[in-house]
Protein backbone atom coordinates (compact mmCIF):
# COMPACT_ATOMS: atom_id res chain seq x y z
CA MET A 1 0.00 0.00 0.00
CA ASN A 2 1.14 3.50 -0.76
CA TYR A 3 0.86 5.86 2.23
CA ASP A 4 0.31 9.37 0.94
CA ASP A 5 1.68 12.57 2.47
CA GLN A 6 -1.67 13.33 4.11
CA MET A 7 -1.54 10.06 6.09
CA LYS A 8 2.08 10.63 7.06
CA ASN A 9 1.28 14.18 8.18
CA ARG A 10 -1.47 12.84 10.43
CA VAL A 11 1.03 10.57 12.15
CA LYS A 12 3.52 13.43 12.48
CA ARG A 13 0.85 15.57 14.17
CA ILE A 14 0.07 12.71 16.55
CA GLU A 15 3.78 12.40 17.29
CA GLY A 16 3.85 16.09 18.17
CA GLN A 17 0.81 15.67 20.41
CA LEU A 18 2.49 12.82 22.26
CA ARG A 19 5.67 14.85 22.77
CA GLY A 20 3.54 17.67 24.14
CA ILE A 21 1.81 15.28 26.53
CA LEU A 22 5.14 13.98 27.78
CA ARG A 23 6.33 17.56 28.32
CA MET A 24 3.12 18.28 30.27
CA MET A 25 3.81 15.26 32.47
CA GLU A 26 7.40 16.35 33.04
CA GLU A 27 6.10 19.79 34.05
CA ASN A 28 3.59 18.15 36.44
CA LYS A 29 0.59 19.72 34.73
CA ASP A 30 -2.90 19.07 36.05
CA CYS A 31 -4.13 15.54 35.33
CA LYS A 32 -7.31 16.85 33.66
CA GLU A 33 -5.21 18.66 31.07
CA VAL A 34 -3.06 15.58 30.46
CA ILE A 35 -6.10 13.32 30.12
CA THR A 36 -7.72 15.77 27.70
CA GLN A 37 -4.63 15.71 25.50
CA LEU A 38 -4.31 11.91 25.74
CA SER A 39 -7.94 11.61 24.66
CA ALA A 40 -7.31 13.93 21.71
CA ALA A 41 -4.30 11.84 20.66
CA ARG A 42 -6.34 8.64 20.91
CA THR A 43 -9.06 10.17 18.73
CA ALA A 44 -6.45 11.24 16.17
CA ILE A 45 -5.01 7.71 16.12
CA ASP A 46 -8.48 6.19 15.68
CA ARG A 47 -9.23 8.50 12.77
CA THR A 48 -5.88 7.71 11.16
CA ILE A 49 -6.60 4.00 11.45
CA GLY A 50 -9.90 4.61 9.68
CA VAL A 51 -8.20 6.52 6.86
CA VAL A 52 -5.56 3.81 6.38
CA VAL A 53 -8.11 0.98 6.41
CA SER A 54 -10.52 2.74 4.05
CA SER A 55 -7.76 3.69 1.62
CA ASN A 56 -6.43 0.16 1.69
CA LEU A 57 -9.93 -1.20 1.12
CA VAL A 58 -10.40 0.97 -1.96
CA GLU A 59 -7.06 -0.22 -3.35
CA CYS A 60 -7.82 -3.86 -2.60
CA VAL A 61 -11.30 -3.74 -4.16
CA GLN A 62 -9.93 -2.14 -7.32
CA LYS A 63 -7.20 -4.77 -7.53
CA ALA A 64 -9.69 -7.58 -6.85
CA LYS A 65 -11.92 -6.36 -9.69
CA GLU A 66 -8.95 -6.40 -12.05
CA THR A 67 -7.59 -9.79 -11.05
CA GLY A 68 -10.69 -11.56 -9.74
CA GLU A 69 -8.62 -13.06 -6.91
CA ARG A 70 -10.87 -12.19 -3.98
CA SER A 71 -14.47 -11.16 -3.58
CA THR A 72 -15.43 -7.64 -2.57
CA GLU A 73 -17.42 -9.07 0.32
CA GLU A 74 -14.35 -10.87 1.66
CA LEU A 75 -12.28 -7.68 1.48
CA VAL A 76 -14.94 -5.61 3.26
CA LYS A 77 -15.18 -8.19 6.05
CA GLU A 78 -11.41 -8.12 6.44
CA ALA A 79 -11.43 -4.31 6.67
CA VAL A 80 -14.20 -4.34 9.27
CA ASN A 81 -12.22 -6.90 11.30
CA LEU A 82 -9.17 -4.63 11.20
CA LEU A 83 -11.24 -1.75 12.53
CA VAL A 84 -12.76 -3.89 15.28
CA LYS A 85 -9.33 -5.16 16.36
CA SER A 86 -8.02 -1.60 16.57
CA ARG A 87 -10.50 -0.78 19.32
């Protein structure tokens, strides 16, 4: 799968969020603030997982149509399982 710049930028933003959270912890910031930022990072990760899975699904379905190797239904089930496992 080809990961485009938009996907990579999402991960870089998450990386920055995590560094910020660590800095907050090192500065002994209030736990509510840390939890809020951790929750935001988790949401960003969940959304990135969704983008990666959906993009991969589109690619796989297109390839399956061309080659006839796997059914679309099988690919969709696999994608849903990936999303379920990520939670």
